[in-house]
Amino acid sequence: MKTINLRIEGLRCASCAASVGSLLDAQAGVRGVDVSFEEARARVLYDPQVTSGDRLVAAVERRGFHVVARDPA
């Protein structure tokens, strides 16, 4: 398992955070998600044999948000 932290531009409310959280949680290989609109970030625990950080970023950006930074935890 790996963890990635994503700084996400456009998370302005709890509804936005819930939307991103649901999206990430539905991705294959994701085992846990914590999204904070106050901190404009998502922390994702995932199986690197099933998905990748690039795929997670792409999913968020397809939803209309912009990932401005990503770091392994």
PDB file of N, CA and C in Angstrom:
ATOM      1  N   MET A   1       0.830  -1.178   0.000  1.00  0.00           N
ATOM      2  CA  MET A   1       0.000   0.000   0.000  1.00  0.00           C
ATOM      3  C   MET A   1       0.880   1.249   0.000  1.00  0.00           C
ATOM      4  N   LYS A   2       0.392   2.267  -0.671  1.00  0.00           N
ATOM      5  CA  LYS A   2       1.058   3.565  -0.716  1.00  0.00           C
ATOM      6  C   LYS A   2       0.048   4.635  -0.344  1.00  0.00           C
ATOM      7  N   THR A   3       0.570   5.757   0.110  1.00  0.00           N
ATOM      8  CA  THR A   3      -0.267   6.917   0.403  1.00  0.00           C
ATOM      9  C   THR A   3       0.238   8.079  -0.423  1.00  0.00           C
ATOM     10  N   ILE A   4      -0.700   8.845  -0.970  1.00  0.00           N
ATOM     11  CA  ILE A   4      -0.355  10.053  -1.709  1.00  0.00           C
ATOM     12  C   ILE A   4      -1.196  11.200  -1.165  1.00  0.00           C
ATOM     13  N   ASN A   5      -0.568  12.355  -1.036  1.00  0.00           N
ATOM     14  CA  ASN A   5      -1.265  13.575  -0.638  1.00  0.00           C
ATOM     15  C   ASN A   5      -1.406  14.465  -1.862  1.00  0.00           C
ATOM     16  N   LEU A   6      -2.622  14.913  -2.118  1.00  0.00           N
ATOM     17  CA  LEU A   6      -2.900  15.776  -3.260  1.00  0.00           C
ATOM     18  C   LEU A   6      -3.381  17.133  -2.765  1.00  0.00           C
ATOM     19  N   ARG A   7      -2.737  18.203  -3.208  1.00  0.00           N
ATOM     20  CA  ARG A   7      -3.255  19.562  -2.958  1.00  0.00           C
ATOM     21  C   ARG A   7      -4.132  19.890  -4.147  1.00  0.00           C
ATOM     22  N   ILE A   8      -5.388  20.237  -3.847  1.00  0.00           N
ATOM     23  CA  ILE A   8      -6.384  20.383  -4.903  1.00  0.00           C
ATOM     24  C   ILE A   8      -6.951  21.796  -4.904  1.00  0.00           C
ATOM     25  N   GLU A   9      -6.791  22.468  -6.028  1.00  0.00           N
ATOM     26  CA  GLU A   9      -7.345  23.801  -6.215  1.00  0.00           C
ATOM     27  C   GLU A   9      -8.827  23.664  -6.585  1.00  0.00           C
ATOM     28  N   GLY A  10      -9.673  24.457  -5.944  1.00  0.00           N
ATOM     29  CA  GLY A  10     -11.089  24.444  -6.262  1.00  0.00           C
ATOM     30  C   GLY A  10     -11.959  23.782  -5.208  1.00  0.00           C
ATOM     31  N   LEU A  11     -11.344  23.203  -4.178  1.00  0.00           N
ATOM     32  CA  LEU A  11     -12.134  22.635  -3.081  1.00  0.00           C
ATOM     33  C   LEU A  11     -12.605  23.784  -2.198  1.00  0.00           C
ATOM     34  N   ARG A  12     -13.808  24.255  -2.422  1.00  0.00           N
ATOM     35  CA  ARG A  12     -14.283  25.436  -1.730  1.00  0.00           C
ATOM     36  C   ARG A  12     -15.365  25.162  -0.687  1.00  0.00           C
ATOM     37  N   CYS A  13     -15.857  23.919  -0.640  1.00  0.00           N
ATOM     38  CA  CYS A  13     -16.936  23.628   0.303  1.00  0.00           C
ATOM     39  C   CYS A  13     -16.944  22.138   0.641  1.00  0.00           C
ATOM     40  N   ALA A  14     -17.741  21.786   1.630  1.00  0.00           N
ATOM     41  CA  ALA A  14     -17.848  20.387   2.045  1.00  0.00           C
ATOM     42  C   ALA A  14     -18.412  19.521   0.926  1.00  0.00           C
ATOM     43  N   SER A  15     -19.299  20.083   0.126  1.00  0.00           N
ATOM     44  CA  SER A  15     -19.874  19.330  -0.985  1.00  0.00           C
ATOM     45  C   SER A  15     -18.800  18.979  -2.019  1.00  0.00           C
ATOM     46  N   CYS A  16     -17.912  19.919  -2.304  1.00  0.00           N
ATOM     47  CA  CYS A  16     -16.800  19.650  -3.226  1.00  0.00           C
ATOM     48  C   CYS A  16     -15.906  18.540  -2.671  1.00  0.00           C
ATOM     49  N   ALA A  17     -15.593  18.631  -1.385  1.00  0.00           N
ATOM     50  CA  ALA A  17     -14.746  17.626  -0.762  1.00  0.00           C
ATOM     51  C   ALA A  17     -15.421  16.254  -0.797  1.00  0.00           C
ATOM     52  N   ALA A  18     -16.727  16.211  -0.549  1.00  0.00           N
ATOM     53  CA  ALA A  18     -17.457  14.942  -0.584  1.00  0.00           C
ATOM     54  C   ALA A  18     -17.453  14.366  -1.996  1.00  0.00           C
ATOM     55  N   SER A  19     -17.596  15.223  -2.993  1.00  0.00           N
ATOM     56  CA  SER A  19     -17.584  14.782  -4.386  1.00  0.00           C
ATOM     57  C   SER A  19     -16.239  14.155  -4.745  1.00  0.00           C
ATOM     58  N   VAL A  20     -15.160  14.822  -4.383  1.00  0.00           N
ATOM     59  CA  VAL A  20     -13.817  14.305  -4.665  1.00  0.00           C
ATOM     60  C   VAL A  20     -13.572  13.029  -3.865  1.00  0.00           C
ATOM     61  N   GLY A  21     -14.014  13.011  -2.621  1.00  0.00           N
ATOM     62  CA  GLY A  21     -13.840  11.821  -1.793  1.00  0.00           C
ATOM     63  C   GLY A  21     -14.552  10.614  -2.378  1.00  0.00           C
ATOM     64  N   SER A  22     -15.786  10.799  -2.823  1.00  0.00           N
ATOM     65  CA  SER A  22     -16.549   9.709  -3.429  1.00  0.00           C
ATOM     66  C   SER A  22     -15.891   9.228  -4.722  1.00  0.00           C
ATOM     67  N   LEU A  23     -15.434  10.180  -5.514  1.00  0.00           N
ATOM     68  CA  LEU A  23     -14.765   9.850  -6.767  1.00  0.00           C
ATOM     69  C   LEU A  23     -13.520   9.004  -6.514  1.00  0.00           C
ATOM     70  N   LEU A  24     -12.673   9.452  -5.599  1.00  0.00           N
ATOM     71  CA  LEU A  24     -11.442   8.722  -5.318  1.00  0.00           C
ATOM     72  C   LEU A  24     -11.732   7.367  -4.693  1.00  0.00           C
ATOM     73  N   ASP A  25     -12.694   7.317  -3.792  1.00  0.00           N
ATOM     74  CA  ASP A  25     -13.034   6.068  -3.121  1.00  0.00           C
ATOM     75  C   ASP A  25     -13.531   5.016  -4.107  1.00  0.00           C
ATOM     76  N   ALA A  26     -14.136   5.452  -5.200  1.00  0.00           N
ATOM     77  CA  ALA A  26     -14.679   4.527  -6.200  1.00  0.00           C
ATOM     78  C   ALA A  26     -13.615   3.998  -7.165  1.00  0.00           C
ATOM     79  N   GLN A  27     -12.409   4.547  -7.112  1.00  0.00           N
ATOM     80  CA  GLN A  27     -11.350   4.098  -8.025  1.00  0.00           C
ATOM     81  C   GLN A  27     -10.836   2.723  -7.606  1.00  0.00           C
ATOM     82  N   ALA A  28     -10.594   1.865  -8.575  1.00  0.00           N
ATOM     83  CA  ALA A  28     -10.049   0.539  -8.297  1.00  0.00           C
ATOM     84  C   ALA A  28      -8.717   0.677  -7.564  1.00  0.00           C
ATOM     85  N   GLY A  29      -8.535  -0.113  -6.515  1.00  0.00           N
ATOM     86  CA  GLY A  29      -7.284  -0.121  -5.772  1.00  0.00           C
ATOM     87  C   GLY A  29      -7.217   0.852  -4.621  1.00  0.00           C
ATOM     88  N   VAL A  30      -8.184   1.748  -4.502  1.00  0.00           N
ATOM     89  CA  VAL A  30      -8.178   2.718  -3.405  1.00  0.00           C
ATOM     90  C   VAL A  30      -8.739   2.049  -2.153  1.00  0.00           C
ATOM     91  N   ARG A  31      -8.004   2.170  -1.050  1.00  0.00           N
ATOM     92  CA  ARG A  31      -8.389   1.530   0.214  1.00  0.00           C
ATOM     93  C   ARG A  31      -8.843   2.528   1.271  1.00  0.00           C
ATOM     94  N   GLY A  32      -8.560   3.803   1.074  1.00  0.00           N
ATOM     95  CA  GLY A  32      -8.976   4.812   2.042  1.00  0.00           C
ATOM     96  C   GLY A  32      -8.763   6.203   1.499  1.00  0.00           C
ATOM     97  N   VAL A  33      -9.676   7.106   1.870  1.00  0.00           N
ATOM     98  CA  VAL A  33      -9.605   8.491   1.390  1.00  0.00           C
ATOM     99  C   VAL A  33      -9.974   9.424   2.537  1.00  0.00           C
ATOM    100  N   ASP A  34      -9.207  10.496   2.671  1.00  0.00           N
ATOM    101  CA  ASP A  34      -9.530  11.559   3.618  1.00  0.00           C
ATOM    102  C   ASP A  34      -9.376  12.872   2.860  1.00  0.00           C
ATOM    103  N   VAL A  35     -10.476  13.617   2.714  1.00  0.00           N
ATOM    104  CA  VAL A  35     -10.459  14.873   1.968  1.00  0.00           C
ATOM    105  C   VAL A  35     -10.831  16.009   2.916  1.00  0.00           C
ATOM    106  N   SER A  36     -10.090  17.111   2.844  1.00  0.00           N
ATOM    107  CA  SER A  36     -10.365  18.288   3.660  1.00  0.00           C
ATOM    108  C   SER A  36     -10.458  19.517   2.766  1.00  0.00           C
ATOM    109  N   PHE A  37     -11.644  20.143   2.728  1.00  0.00           N
ATOM    110  CA  PHE A  37     -11.738  21.365   1.932  1.00  0.00           C
ATOM    111  C   PHE A  37     -11.061  22.518   2.651  1.00  0.00           C
ATOM    112  N   GLU A  38     -11.016  22.484   3.977  1.00  0.00           N
ATOM    113  CA  GLU A  38     -10.327  23.549   4.732  1.00  0.00           C
ATOM    114  C   GLU A  38      -8.848  23.615   4.382  1.00  0.00           C
ATOM    115  N   GLU A  39      -8.253  22.439   4.161  1.00  0.00           N
ATOM    116  CA  GLU A  39      -6.833  22.360   3.827  1.00  0.00           C
ATOM    117  C   GLU A  39      -6.598  22.182   2.331  1.00  0.00           C
ATOM    118  N   ALA A  40      -7.661  22.074   1.562  1.00  0.00           N
ATOM    119  CA  ALA A  40      -7.594  21.882   0.103  1.00  0.00           C
ATOM    120  C   ALA A  40      -6.689  20.715  -0.262  1.00  0.00           C
ATOM    121  N   ARG A  41      -6.959  19.554   0.386  1.00  0.00           N
ATOM    122  CA  ARG A  41      -6.109  18.403   0.122  1.00  0.00           C
ATOM    123  C   ARG A  41      -6.892  17.106   0.262  1.00  0.00           C
ATOM    124  N   ALA A  42      -6.342  16.078  -0.362  1.00  0.00           N
ATOM    125  CA  ALA A  42      -6.857  14.720  -0.219  1.00  0.00           C
ATOM    126  C   ALA A  42      -5.685  13.800   0.093  1.00  0.00           C
ATOM    127  N   ARG A  43      -5.901  12.899   1.018  1.00  0.00           N
ATOM    128  CA  ARG A  43      -4.907  11.867   1.330  1.00  0.00           C
ATOM    129  C   ARG A  43      -5.532  10.541   0.910  1.00  0.00           C
ATOM    130  N   VAL A  44      -4.825   9.802   0.068  1.00  0.00           N
ATOM    131  CA  VAL A  44      -5.384   8.582  -0.510  1.00  0.00           C
ATOM    132  C   VAL A  44      -4.438   7.406  -0.242  1.00  0.00           C
ATOM    133  N   LEU A  45      -4.995   6.344   0.332  1.00  0.00           N
ATOM    134  CA  LEU A  45      -4.281   5.092   0.521  1.00  0.00           C
ATOM    135  C   LEU A  45      -4.693   4.179  -0.620  1.00  0.00           C
ATOM    136  N   TYR A  46      -3.709   3.671  -1.384  1.00  0.00           N
ATOM    137  CA  TYR A  46      -4.038   2.862  -2.553  1.00  0.00           C
ATOM    138  C   TYR A  46      -3.029   1.740  -2.765  1.00  0.00           C
ATOM    139  N   ASP A  47      -3.471   0.764  -3.538  1.00  0.00           N
ATOM    140  CA  ASP A  47      -2.638  -0.376  -3.901  1.00  0.00           C
ATOM    141  C   ASP A  47      -1.941  -0.049  -5.218  1.00  0.00           C
ATOM    142  N   PRO A  48      -0.621   0.134  -5.214  1.00  0.00           N
ATOM    143  CA  PRO A  48       0.092   0.514  -6.440  1.00  0.00           C
ATOM    144  C   PRO A  48       0.118  -0.588  -7.501  1.00  0.00           C
ATOM    145  N   GLN A  49      -0.307  -1.790  -7.147  1.00  0.00           N
ATOM    146  CA  GLN A  49      -0.386  -2.847  -8.152  1.00  0.00           C
ATOM    147  C   GLN A  49      -1.690  -2.754  -8.940  1.00  0.00           C
ATOM    148  N   VAL A  50      -2.626  -1.933  -8.458  1.00  0.00           N
ATOM    149  CA  VAL A  50      -3.924  -1.801  -9.103  1.00  0.00           C
ATOM    150  C   VAL A  50      -4.085  -0.434  -9.776  1.00  0.00           C
ATOM    151  N   THR A  51      -3.566   0.618  -9.126  1.00  0.00           N
ATOM    152  CA  THR A  51      -3.691   1.966  -9.681  1.00  0.00           C
ATOM    153  C   THR A  51      -2.411   2.742  -9.408  1.00  0.00           C
ATOM    154  N   SER A  52      -2.389   3.995  -9.846  1.00  0.00           N
ATOM    155  CA  SER A  52      -1.189   4.819  -9.656  1.00  0.00           C
ATOM    156  C   SER A  52      -1.598   6.234  -9.249  1.00  0.00           C
ATOM    157  N   GLY A  53      -0.622   6.974  -8.764  1.00  0.00           N
ATOM    158  CA  GLY A  53      -0.863   8.372  -8.439  1.00  0.00           C
ATOM    159  C   GLY A  53      -1.317   9.158  -9.660  1.00  0.00           C
ATOM    160  N   ASP A  54      -0.744   8.855 -10.814  1.00  0.00           N
ATOM    161  CA  ASP A  54      -1.135   9.547 -12.050  1.00  0.00           C
ATOM    162  C   ASP A  54      -2.610   9.313 -12.377  1.00  0.00           C
ATOM    163  N   ARG A  55      -3.071   8.099 -12.198  1.00  0.00           N
ATOM    164  CA  ARG A  55      -4.484   7.797 -12.468  1.00  0.00           C
ATOM    165  C   ARG A  55      -5.405   8.521 -11.496  1.00  0.00           C
ATOM    166  N   LEU A  56      -4.994   8.607 -10.240  1.00  0.00           N
ATOM    167  CA  LEU A  56      -5.808   9.301  -9.241  1.00  0.00           C
ATOM    168  C   LEU A  56      -5.882  10.791  -9.553  1.00  0.00           C
ATOM    169  N   VAL A  57      -4.756  11.372  -9.912  1.00  0.00           N
ATOM    170  CA  VAL A  57      -4.731  12.791 -10.300  1.00  0.00           C
ATOM    171  C   VAL A  57      -5.616  13.018 -11.516  1.00  0.00           C
ATOM    172  N   ALA A  58      -5.508  12.156 -12.508  1.00  0.00           N
ATOM    173  CA  ALA A  58      -6.314  12.300 -13.724  1.00  0.00           C
ATOM    174  C   ALA A  58      -7.805  12.235 -13.403  1.00  0.00           C
ATOM    175  N   ALA A  59      -8.204  11.359 -12.508  1.00  0.00           N
ATOM    176  CA  ALA A  59      -9.619  11.243 -12.138  1.00  0.00           C
ATOM    177  C   ALA A  59     -10.113  12.540 -11.495  1.00  0.00           C
ATOM    178  N   VAL A  60      -9.316  13.118 -10.608  1.00  0.00           N
ATOM    179  CA  VAL A  60      -9.696  14.381  -9.947  1.00  0.00           C
ATOM    180  C   VAL A  60      -9.801  15.496 -10.978  1.00  0.00           C
ATOM    181  N   GLU A  61      -8.855  15.554 -11.889  1.00  0.00           N
ATOM    182  CA  GLU A  61      -8.859  16.628 -12.885  1.00  0.00           C
ATOM    183  C   GLU A  61      -9.998  16.470 -13.890  1.00  0.00           C
ATOM    184  N   ARG A  62     -10.378  15.237 -14.193  1.00  0.00           N
ATOM    185  CA  ARG A  62     -11.550  15.033 -15.059  1.00  0.00           C
ATOM    186  C   ARG A  62     -12.825  15.541 -14.391  1.00  0.00           C
ATOM    187  N   ARG A  63     -12.840  15.562 -13.074  1.00  0.00           N
ATOM    188  CA  ARG A  63     -13.998  16.058 -12.324  1.00  0.00           C
ATOM    189  C   ARG A  63     -14.035  17.589 -12.329  1.00  0.00           C
ATOM    190  N   GLY A  64     -12.976  18.234 -12.806  1.00  0.00           N
ATOM    191  CA  GLY A  64     -12.973  19.685 -12.924  1.00  0.00           C
ATOM    192  C   GLY A  64     -12.136  20.418 -11.891  1.00  0.00           C
ATOM    193  N   PHE A  65     -11.418  19.686 -11.070  1.00  0.00           N
ATOM    194  CA  PHE A  65     -10.527  20.297 -10.091  1.00  0.00           C
ATOM    195  C   PHE A  65      -9.104  20.246 -10.632  1.00  0.00           C
ATOM    196  N   HIS A  66      -8.215  21.015 -10.016  1.00  0.00           N
ATOM    197  CA  HIS A  66      -6.828  21.057 -10.472  1.00  0.00           C
ATOM    198  C   HIS A  66      -5.916  20.624  -9.331  1.00  0.00           C
ATOM    199  N   VAL A  67      -5.136  19.577  -9.571  1.00  0.00           N
ATOM    200  CA  VAL A  67      -4.160  19.128  -8.575  1.00  0.00           C
ATOM    201  C   VAL A  67      -2.904  19.960  -8.745  1.00  0.00           C
ATOM    202  N   VAL A  68      -2.594  20.765  -7.731  1.00  0.00           N
ATOM    203  CA  VAL A  68      -1.455  21.697  -7.833  1.00  0.00           C
ATOM    204  C   VAL A  68      -0.177  21.120  -7.242  1.00  0.00           C
ATOM    205  N   ALA A  69      -0.296  20.062  -6.440  1.00  0.00           N
ATOM    206  CA  ALA A  69       0.884  19.411  -5.881  1.00  0.00           C
ATOM    207  C   ALA A  69       0.505  18.010  -5.437  1.00  0.00           C
ATOM    208  N   ARG A  70       1.476  17.127  -5.494  1.00  0.00           N
ATOM    209  CA  ARG A  70       1.277  15.774  -5.000  1.00  0.00           C
ATOM    210  C   ARG A  70       2.538  15.289  -4.333  1.00  0.00           C
ATOM    211  N   ASP A  71       2.378  14.669  -3.188  1.00  0.00           N
ATOM    212  CA  ASP A  71       3.513  14.177  -2.427  1.00  0.00           C
ATOM    213  C   ASP A  71       3.176  12.826  -1.835  1.00  0.00           C
ATOM    214  N   PRO A  72       4.146  11.924  -1.836  1.00  0.00           N
ATOM    215  CA  PRO A  72       3.924  10.687  -1.086  1.00  0.00           C
ATOM    216  C   PRO A  72       3.918  11.030   0.399  1.00  0.00           C
ATOM    217  N   ALA A  73       3.114  10.349   1.146  1.00  0.00           N
ATOM    218  CA  ALA A  73       3.035  10.640   2.589  1.00  0.00           C
ATOM    219  C   ALA A  73       4.173   9.991   3.329  1.00  0.00           C
TER     220      ALA A  73
END
